[in-house]
């Protein structure tokens, strides 16, 4: 008679760290940790907001991101250390970034979580160091739309003309400079939360036959082992690799019979680190070669399958009578026309942007084919 299957209480516990424990641990071991994500994934932002205690316990005093404008750093400092939460001031920081704004509620919730953490720490111990938000958003042509003389700031050539270089490269130099001034010169640590393409470290990716530059590249070449890259599962645009990781997770002891697998781990000595990359092109040593997951990232956070992602939600009432003129001018710099946009049109732009978030994410793995039956279905009337 076969032995009875073990109950949940009898199954051995996993040796894997939880995602928050792992993130706190790797941040405690390195000065800069680049955390790569796709734009607007609700679950990832909720995780980040809930991971602050783990980060603080490891002495992480800075959370840097590119989603608010660096020229508003003083206002960001005031917001997360204020005696009372100011929802309007929080929303206005996002309006300032790109006109119609990066106005998603879950990003605002991260700022509120930092404020709540800092208030709790102050009540517990006045000497405890608060977590500081460091803004890496690049002030650009959108700050003075009149300079564009009716042209579109989204044009590639105009970006080059205004910034003196490719926008991607200039934003990387800007972020590296801010992190140097705000974090590294003080000998502090930071978790840097950015779009996944900005977080590459030793990997140099290629686009259109040319190598790209990222803030992670710049910092890693300066700091070496002091800088590490962690990515969320599914954020790297390699569908086959995403599918293979999910297959391995489902076959692991933690994944068998469980739909709530969540963990973080270093990739260097793990099975997941050996997963081949078939769609990512680049180099880690100057020569083109095949890549594995451990070549493109140092750490991995798995919160669930890629298909479970949900888009962030819009901040209600983002555009007001007070900020409308500024928001409209900034948006018209990106999409110029002679007459101003109405408030309803800007709201429509916001809604369409939110609806298109998922379309910009890496595609889902193809579902497995249904196995064909051993015998064909009997035709009606067959016996």
Protein backbone atom coordinates (compact mmCIF):
# COMPACT_ATOMS: atom_id res chain seq x y z
CA UNK A 1 0.00 0.00 0.00
CA UNK A 2 1.59 3.33 -1.04
CA UNK A 3 2.44 5.78 1.74
CA UNK A 4 0.06 8.65 2.29
CA UNK A 5 1.06 11.96 0.79
CA UNK A 6 2.49 14.36 3.39
CA UNK A 7 0.28 17.16 4.60
CA UNK A 8 1.29 20.78 4.14
CA UNK A 9 2.56 20.87 7.74
CA UNK A 10 4.73 17.79 7.14
CA UNK A 11 6.39 19.01 3.92
CA UNK A 12 9.92 20.37 4.42
CA UNK A 13 10.08 24.14 4.52
CA UNK A 14 11.84 25.96 1.72
CA UNK A 15 15.38 27.23 2.22
CA UNK A 16 14.69 30.11 -0.18
CA UNK A 17 14.47 33.62 1.20
CA UNK A 18 11.29 35.59 0.81
CA UNK A 19 11.50 38.38 -1.81
CA UNK A 20 11.70 41.12 0.84
CA UNK A 21 14.30 39.25 2.90
CA UNK A 22 16.41 38.69 -0.18
CA UNK A 23 16.20 42.29 -1.33
CA UNK A 24 17.19 43.53 2.11
CA UNK A 25 20.04 41.02 2.24
CA UNK A 26 21.59 41.89 -1.12
CA UNK A 27 21.21 45.61 -0.40
CA UNK A 28 23.06 45.02 2.88
CA UNK A 29 25.93 43.34 1.00
CA UNK A 30 26.43 45.96 -1.73
CA UNK A 31 26.43 49.74 -1.85
CA UNK A 32 24.19 50.16 -4.89
CA UNK A 33 21.54 47.65 -5.97
CA UNK A 34 19.79 48.34 -9.27
CA UNK A 35 16.24 46.93 -9.19
CA UNK A 36 14.91 46.57 -12.75
CA UNK A 37 11.22 46.62 -13.58
CA UNK A 38 8.78 47.29 -16.39
CA UNK A 39 6.66 50.43 -16.17
CA UNK A 40 3.45 50.23 -14.18
CA UNK A 41 3.33 46.66 -12.81
CA UNK A 42 1.00 46.93 -9.82
CA UNK A 43 2.27 43.90 -7.89
CA UNK A 44 5.89 45.04 -8.08
CA UNK A 45 5.10 48.51 -6.76
CA UNK A 46 3.04 47.04 -3.92
CA UNK A 47 5.95 44.75 -3.06
CA UNK A 48 8.37 47.68 -3.02
CA UNK A 49 6.11 49.68 -0.70
CA UNK A 50 5.93 46.72 1.70
CA UNK A 51 9.68 45.99 1.66
CA UNK A 52 10.80 49.21 3.36
CA UNK A 53 11.25 47.68 6.82
CA UNK A 54 13.57 44.99 5.47
CA UNK A 55 15.63 47.65 3.71
CA UNK A 56 15.82 49.85 6.79
CA UNK A 57 16.90 46.89 8.93
CA UNK A 58 19.87 46.45 6.58
CA UNK A 59 20.86 50.09 6.92
CA UNK A 60 19.49 51.21 3.55
CA UNK A 61 18.81 54.92 3.95
CA UNK A 62 18.06 55.77 0.31
CA UNK A 63 15.46 54.63 -2.22
CA UNK A 64 16.24 56.23 -5.59
CA UNK A 65 13.98 56.23 -8.63
CA UNK A 66 13.44 57.99 -11.95
CA UNK A 67 9.73 58.67 -11.53
CA UNK A 68 9.94 62.15 -10.01
CA UNK A 69 11.97 65.08 -11.24
CA UNK A 70 15.38 65.67 -9.66
CA UNK A 71 14.87 69.44 -9.67
CA UNK A 72 12.05 68.89 -7.15
CA UNK A 73 14.25 67.02 -4.64
CA UNK A 74 13.65 69.53 -1.85
CA UNK A 75 9.89 69.12 -2.20
CA UNK A 76 10.25 65.34 -2.27
CA UNK A 77 12.28 65.50 0.96
CA UNK A 78 9.63 67.66 2.58
CA UNK A 79 6.83 65.34 1.46
CA UNK A 80 8.20 62.11 2.96
CA UNK A 81 9.20 63.80 6.24
CA UNK A 82 6.16 66.02 6.80
CA UNK A 83 4.09 65.77 10.01
CA UNK A 84 0.98 65.10 7.88
CA UNK A 85 0.59 63.35 4.55
CA UNK A 86 -0.03 65.80 1.68
CA UNK A 87 -1.78 63.92 -1.10
CA UNK A 88 -1.99 66.96 -3.37
CA UNK A 89 1.73 67.72 -3.11
CA UNK A 90 2.46 64.08 -3.90
CA UNK A 91 0.31 64.13 -7.04
CA UNK A 92 1.85 67.40 -8.24
CA UNK A 93 5.32 65.83 -8.21
CA UNK A 94 4.16 63.42 -10.91
CA UNK A 95 2.52 66.17 -12.97
CA UNK A 96 5.86 67.98 -13.03
CA UNK A 97 7.66 65.03 -14.61
CA UNK A 98 6.02 64.86 -18.03
CA UNK A 99 3.09 67.23 -18.17
CA UNK A 100 0.12 64.87 -18.13
CA UNK A 101 2.24 63.17 -15.56
CA UNK A 102 3.42 59.80 -14.48
CA UNK A 103 0.22 59.77 -12.49
CA UNK A 104 -0.22 56.20 -11.28
CA UNK A 105 -1.58 55.57 -7.82
CA UNK A 106 0.80 52.75 -6.95
CA UNK A 107 3.83 55.02 -7.45
CA UNK A 108 2.20 57.54 -5.13
CA UNK A 109 1.59 54.69 -2.67
CA UNK A 110 5.35 54.02 -2.56
CA UNK A 111 5.92 57.63 -1.49
CA UNK A 112 3.19 57.36 1.12
CA UNK A 113 4.72 54.11 2.42
CA UNK A 114 8.07 55.91 2.83
CA UNK A 115 6.30 58.70 4.72
CA UNK A 116 4.49 56.19 6.98
CA UNK A 117 7.74 54.34 7.63
CA UNK A 118 9.56 57.54 8.55
CA UNK A 119 6.78 58.69 10.87
CA UNK A 120 6.76 55.31 12.63
CA UNK A 121 10.54 55.39 13.03
CA UNK A 122 10.44 58.88 14.50
CA UNK A 123 7.82 57.87 17.05
CA UNK A 124 9.85 54.81 18.01
CA UNK A 125 13.27 56.44 18.16
CA UNK A 126 14.03 60.05 17.29
CA UNK A 127 17.61 59.10 16.41
CA UNK A 128 16.58 56.55 13.76
CA UNK A 129 17.59 57.58 10.24
CA UNK A 130 14.59 58.03 7.90
CA UNK A 131 14.52 56.57 4.41
CA UNK A 132 15.23 59.26 1.85
CA UNK A 133 13.70 59.23 -1.61
CA UNK A 134 16.23 60.34 -4.25
CA UNK A 135 14.70 61.64 -7.51
CA UNK A 136 16.55 60.73 -10.71
CA UNK A 137 14.09 62.12 -13.28
CA UNK A 138 15.93 64.25 -15.83
CA UNK A 139 14.90 67.92 -16.30
CA UNK A 140 14.61 68.35 -20.07
CA UNK A 141 13.09 70.40 -22.85
CA UNK A 142 9.70 69.87 -21.19
CA UNK A 143 10.75 72.32 -18.47
CA UNK A 144 10.71 75.20 -20.99
CA UNK A 145 8.42 74.34 -23.92
CA UNK A 146 8.95 77.77 -25.50
CA UNK A 147 12.47 76.70 -26.53
CA UNK A 148 10.98 74.15 -28.91
CA UNK A 149 9.46 76.79 -31.20
CA UNK A 150 6.52 74.55 -32.08
CA UNK A 151 8.57 71.45 -32.78
CA UNK A 152 7.94 68.09 -31.12
CA UNK A 153 10.20 67.24 -28.21
CA UNK A 154 9.63 63.57 -28.99
CA UNK A 155 11.60 63.79 -32.21
CA UNK A 156 14.89 61.90 -31.94
CA UNK A 157 16.94 64.63 -33.56
CA UNK A 158 15.49 67.30 -31.32
CA UNK A 159 16.29 65.30 -28.21
CA UNK A 160 19.89 65.15 -29.41
CA UNK A 161 19.94 68.87 -30.16
CA UNK A 162 18.52 69.95 -26.83
CA UNK A 163 20.49 67.64 -24.55
CA UNK A 164 23.75 67.49 -26.45
CA UNK A 165 23.51 63.71 -26.87
CA UNK A 166 21.13 60.80 -27.12
CA UNK A 167 18.35 61.09 -24.52
CA UNK A 168 19.01 57.57 -23.20
CA UNK A 169 22.70 58.30 -22.69
CA UNK A 170 22.12 61.73 -21.15
CA UNK A 171 19.57 60.36 -18.69
CA UNK A 172 22.09 57.68 -17.68
CA UNK A 173 24.82 60.28 -17.03
CA UNK A 174 22.34 62.42 -15.11
CA UNK A 175 21.20 59.56 -12.85
CA UNK A 176 24.79 58.46 -12.18
CA UNK A 177 25.73 62.03 -11.28
CA UNK A 178 22.79 62.42 -8.88
CA UNK A 179 23.53 59.09 -7.17
CA UNK A 180 27.17 60.08 -6.79
CA UNK A 181 26.30 63.42 -5.19
CA UNK A 182 23.38 62.23 -3.05
CA UNK A 183 24.53 58.75 -1.97
CA UNK A 184 28.03 57.59 -2.87
CA UNK A 185 30.03 60.61 -1.66
CA UNK A 186 28.47 60.11 1.77
CA UNK A 187 29.41 56.43 1.83
CA UNK A 188 25.73 55.42 2.02
CA UNK A 189 23.76 52.60 0.42
CA UNK A 190 20.82 52.83 -1.97
CA UNK A 191 18.26 50.70 -3.72
CA UNK A 192 17.79 52.18 -7.19
CA UNK A 193 14.40 51.36 -8.72
CA UNK A 194 14.29 52.03 -12.49
CA UNK A 195 13.08 50.78 -15.83
CA UNK A 196 14.80 47.46 -16.45
CA UNK A 197 16.74 48.76 -19.48
CA UNK A 198 18.45 51.36 -17.27
CA UNK A 199 19.71 48.80 -14.75
CA UNK A 200 22.12 46.69 -16.82
CA UNK A 201 25.53 46.50 -15.15
CA UNK A 202 28.23 44.35 -16.80
CA UNK A 203 25.90 43.56 -19.73
CA UNK A 204 26.12 45.97 -22.66
CA UNK A 205 22.98 45.65 -24.75
CA UNK A 206 22.78 46.52 -28.42
CA UNK A 207 20.01 48.45 -30.16
CA UNK A 208 20.01 49.07 -33.89
CA UNK A 209 23.53 47.70 -34.17
CA UNK A 210 24.92 50.12 -31.60
CA UNK A 211 25.83 49.59 -27.92
CA UNK A 212 23.60 51.25 -25.35
CA UNK A 213 24.56 53.06 -22.16
CA UNK A 214 22.74 52.75 -18.83
CA UNK A 215 23.23 54.20 -15.37
CA UNK A 216 23.93 50.65 -14.19
CA UNK A 217 26.74 50.33 -16.76
CA UNK A 218 28.34 53.56 -15.59
CA UNK A 219 28.17 52.70 -11.88
CA UNK A 220 29.33 49.09 -12.31
CA UNK A 221 32.40 50.15 -14.28
CA UNK A 222 33.28 52.54 -11.48
CA UNK A 223 32.27 50.46 -8.47
CA UNK A 224 32.67 46.85 -9.63
CA UNK A 225 31.31 44.48 -7.01
CA UNK A 226 29.84 47.39 -5.10
CA UNK A 227 27.03 47.57 -7.66
CA UNK A 228 24.60 44.72 -8.35
CA UNK A 229 21.55 44.21 -10.55
CA UNK A 230 18.32 42.50 -9.44
CA UNK A 231 15.34 41.99 -11.74
CA UNK A 232 11.74 40.98 -11.23
CA UNK A 233 10.64 37.81 -12.98
CA UNK A 234 9.27 38.56 -16.44
CA UNK A 235 10.79 42.01 -16.82
CA UNK A 236 13.59 41.01 -19.20
CA UNK A 237 12.23 40.88 -22.74
CA UNK A 238 13.03 37.22 -23.41
CA UNK A 239 9.83 35.19 -23.64
CA UNK A 240 11.53 31.81 -23.87
CA UNK A 241 13.59 32.50 -20.75
CA UNK A 242 10.50 33.64 -18.84
CA UNK A 243 8.71 30.44 -19.86
CA UNK A 244 11.68 28.28 -18.85
CA UNK A 245 11.92 29.93 -15.42
CA UNK A 246 8.24 29.30 -14.77
CA UNK A 247 8.66 25.68 -15.83
CA UNK A 248 11.58 25.20 -13.42
CA UNK A 249 9.68 26.89 -10.59
CA UNK A 250 6.64 24.67 -11.14
CA UNK A 251 8.83 21.57 -10.91
CA UNK A 252 10.68 22.69 -7.80
CA UNK A 253 9.74 21.42 -4.32
CA UNK A 254 8.30 24.84 -3.56
CA UNK A 255 6.26 24.91 -6.76
CA UNK A 256 4.66 21.50 -6.67
CA UNK A 257 1.04 21.90 -5.80
CA UNK A 258 1.47 25.57 -4.86
CA UNK A 259 0.31 28.69 -6.72
CA UNK A 260 1.85 31.15 -4.24
CA UNK A 261 5.55 30.67 -4.87
CA UNK A 262 7.52 33.81 -3.96
CA UNK A 263 11.26 34.05 -3.44
CA UNK A 264 14.45 35.98 -4.11
CA UNK A 265 17.86 34.48 -4.86
CA UNK A 266 21.34 35.08 -6.23
CA UNK A 267 21.67 33.70 -9.76
CA UNK A 268 25.40 32.88 -9.80
CA UNK A 269 25.08 29.38 -8.33
CA UNK A 270 21.40 28.66 -8.96
CA UNK A 271 19.64 26.52 -11.54
CA UNK A 272 17.72 29.56 -12.75
CA UNK A 273 21.01 31.28 -13.51
CA UNK A 274 21.69 28.68 -16.22
CA UNK A 275 18.54 29.54 -18.19
CA UNK A 276 19.58 30.52 -21.72
CA UNK A 277 18.70 33.94 -23.12
CA UNK A 278 17.55 33.66 -26.72
CA UNK A 279 16.24 37.17 -27.41
CA UNK A 280 18.59 39.40 -25.40
CA UNK A 281 21.59 40.49 -27.44
CA UNK A 282 24.67 42.02 -25.92
CA UNK A 283 28.03 41.32 -24.39
CA UNK A 284 29.63 41.11 -20.97
CA UNK A 285 33.25 41.05 -22.16
CA UNK A 286 33.31 42.94 -25.46
CA UNK A 287 32.73 39.86 -27.59
CA UNK A 288 29.37 38.66 -28.80
CA UNK A 289 28.48 35.37 -27.15
CA UNK A 290 25.51 33.38 -25.94
CA UNK A 291 24.07 34.64 -22.66
CA UNK A 292 22.48 33.02 -19.66
CA UNK A 293 20.32 34.61 -17.00
CA UNK A 294 23.28 34.87 -14.60
CA UNK A 295 25.10 36.97 -17.22
CA UNK A 296 22.40 39.62 -17.38
CA UNK A 297 21.49 39.89 -13.66
CA UNK A 298 22.94 39.08 -10.25
CA UNK A 299 19.67 38.56 -8.40
CA UNK A 300 16.13 37.48 -9.18
CA UNK A 301 12.80 38.17 -7.49
CA UNK A 302 9.88 35.88 -8.27
CA UNK A 303 6.46 37.11 -7.17
CA UNK A 304 4.40 34.87 -9.44
CA UNK A 305 3.91 34.01 -13.11
CA UNK A 306 4.16 36.69 -15.77
CA UNK A 307 0.50 36.30 -16.73
CA UNK A 308 -0.55 37.52 -13.26
CA UNK A 309 0.73 41.07 -13.85
CA UNK A 310 -1.84 43.84 -13.50
CA UNK A 311 -1.40 47.47 -14.63
CA UNK A 312 -1.11 50.34 -12.18
CA UNK A 313 -4.17 52.56 -11.73
CA UNK A 314 -4.53 56.28 -12.40
CA UNK A 315 -4.40 58.85 -9.62
CA UNK A 316 -7.86 60.36 -9.34
CA UNK A 317 -8.02 64.12 -9.83
CA UNK A 318 -4.39 64.43 -10.91
CA UNK A 319 -5.00 67.49 -13.08
CA UNK A 320 -6.51 70.46 -11.25
CA UNK A 321 -7.29 74.10 -11.99
CA UNK A 322 -3.98 75.04 -10.37
CA UNK A 323 -1.71 72.71 -12.37
CA UNK A 324 -3.63 72.48 -15.66
CA UNK A 325 -1.73 75.24 -17.50
CA UNK A 326 1.64 73.74 -16.62
CA UNK A 327 0.53 70.19 -17.45
CA UNK A 328 -0.94 71.27 -20.80
CA UNK A 329 2.19 73.18 -21.84
CA UNK A 330 4.40 70.22 -21.04
CA UNK A 331 2.21 67.78 -22.92
CA UNK A 332 1.99 70.09 -25.95
CA UNK A 333 5.80 70.11 -26.01
CA UNK A 334 5.66 66.36 -26.60
CA UNK A 335 2.75 66.42 -29.07
CA UNK A 336 2.65 69.96 -30.53
CA UNK A 337 -0.33 71.64 -32.16
CA UNK A 338 -1.36 75.31 -32.50
CA UNK A 339 -4.32 75.25 -30.11
CA UNK A 340 -4.06 74.19 -26.46
CA UNK A 341 -5.34 70.82 -25.29
CA UNK A 342 -8.46 70.81 -23.15
CA UNK A 343 -8.60 69.26 -19.72
CA UNK A 344 -10.82 66.48 -21.06
CA UNK A 345 -8.25 65.74 -23.77
CA UNK A 346 -5.47 65.44 -21.21
CA UNK A 347 -7.61 63.07 -19.17
CA UNK A 348 -8.19 61.02 -22.32
CA UNK A 349 -4.43 60.89 -22.89
CA UNK A 350 -3.97 59.63 -19.35
CA UNK A 351 -6.60 56.92 -19.76
CA UNK A 352 -5.18 55.72 -23.06
CA UNK A 353 -1.68 55.62 -21.57
CA UNK A 354 -2.89 53.46 -18.70
CA UNK A 355 -4.71 51.14 -21.10
CA UNK A 356 -1.54 50.73 -23.16
CA UNK A 357 0.74 49.86 -20.24
CA UNK A 358 0.38 46.11 -20.68
CA UNK A 359 1.05 46.38 -24.43
CA UNK A 360 4.54 47.72 -23.67
CA UNK A 361 5.43 44.81 -21.38
CA UNK A 362 7.36 41.79 -22.70
CA UNK A 363 4.92 39.36 -24.32
CA UNK A 364 3.50 36.44 -22.42
CA UNK A 365 4.87 32.95 -23.05
CA UNK A 366 2.76 30.99 -25.48
CA UNK A 367 0.38 28.58 -23.73
CA UNK A 368 1.32 24.90 -24.14
CA UNK A 369 -0.45 23.03 -26.89
CA UNK A 370 -3.28 20.79 -25.85
CA UNK A 371 -2.14 17.17 -26.03
CA UNK A 372 -3.85 15.29 -28.80
CA UNK A 373 -6.07 12.42 -27.72
CA UNK A 374 -4.86 8.91 -28.27
CA UNK A 375 -7.97 8.06 -30.23
CA UNK A 376 -10.02 10.29 -32.48
CA UNK A 377 -13.53 11.15 -31.34
CA UNK A 378 -16.10 8.68 -32.64
CA UNK A 379 -18.26 10.03 -35.39
CA UNK A 380 -21.92 10.28 -34.59
CA UNK A 381 -23.55 6.98 -35.36
CA UNK A 382 -20.33 4.96 -34.86
CA UNK A 383 -20.52 2.18 -32.37
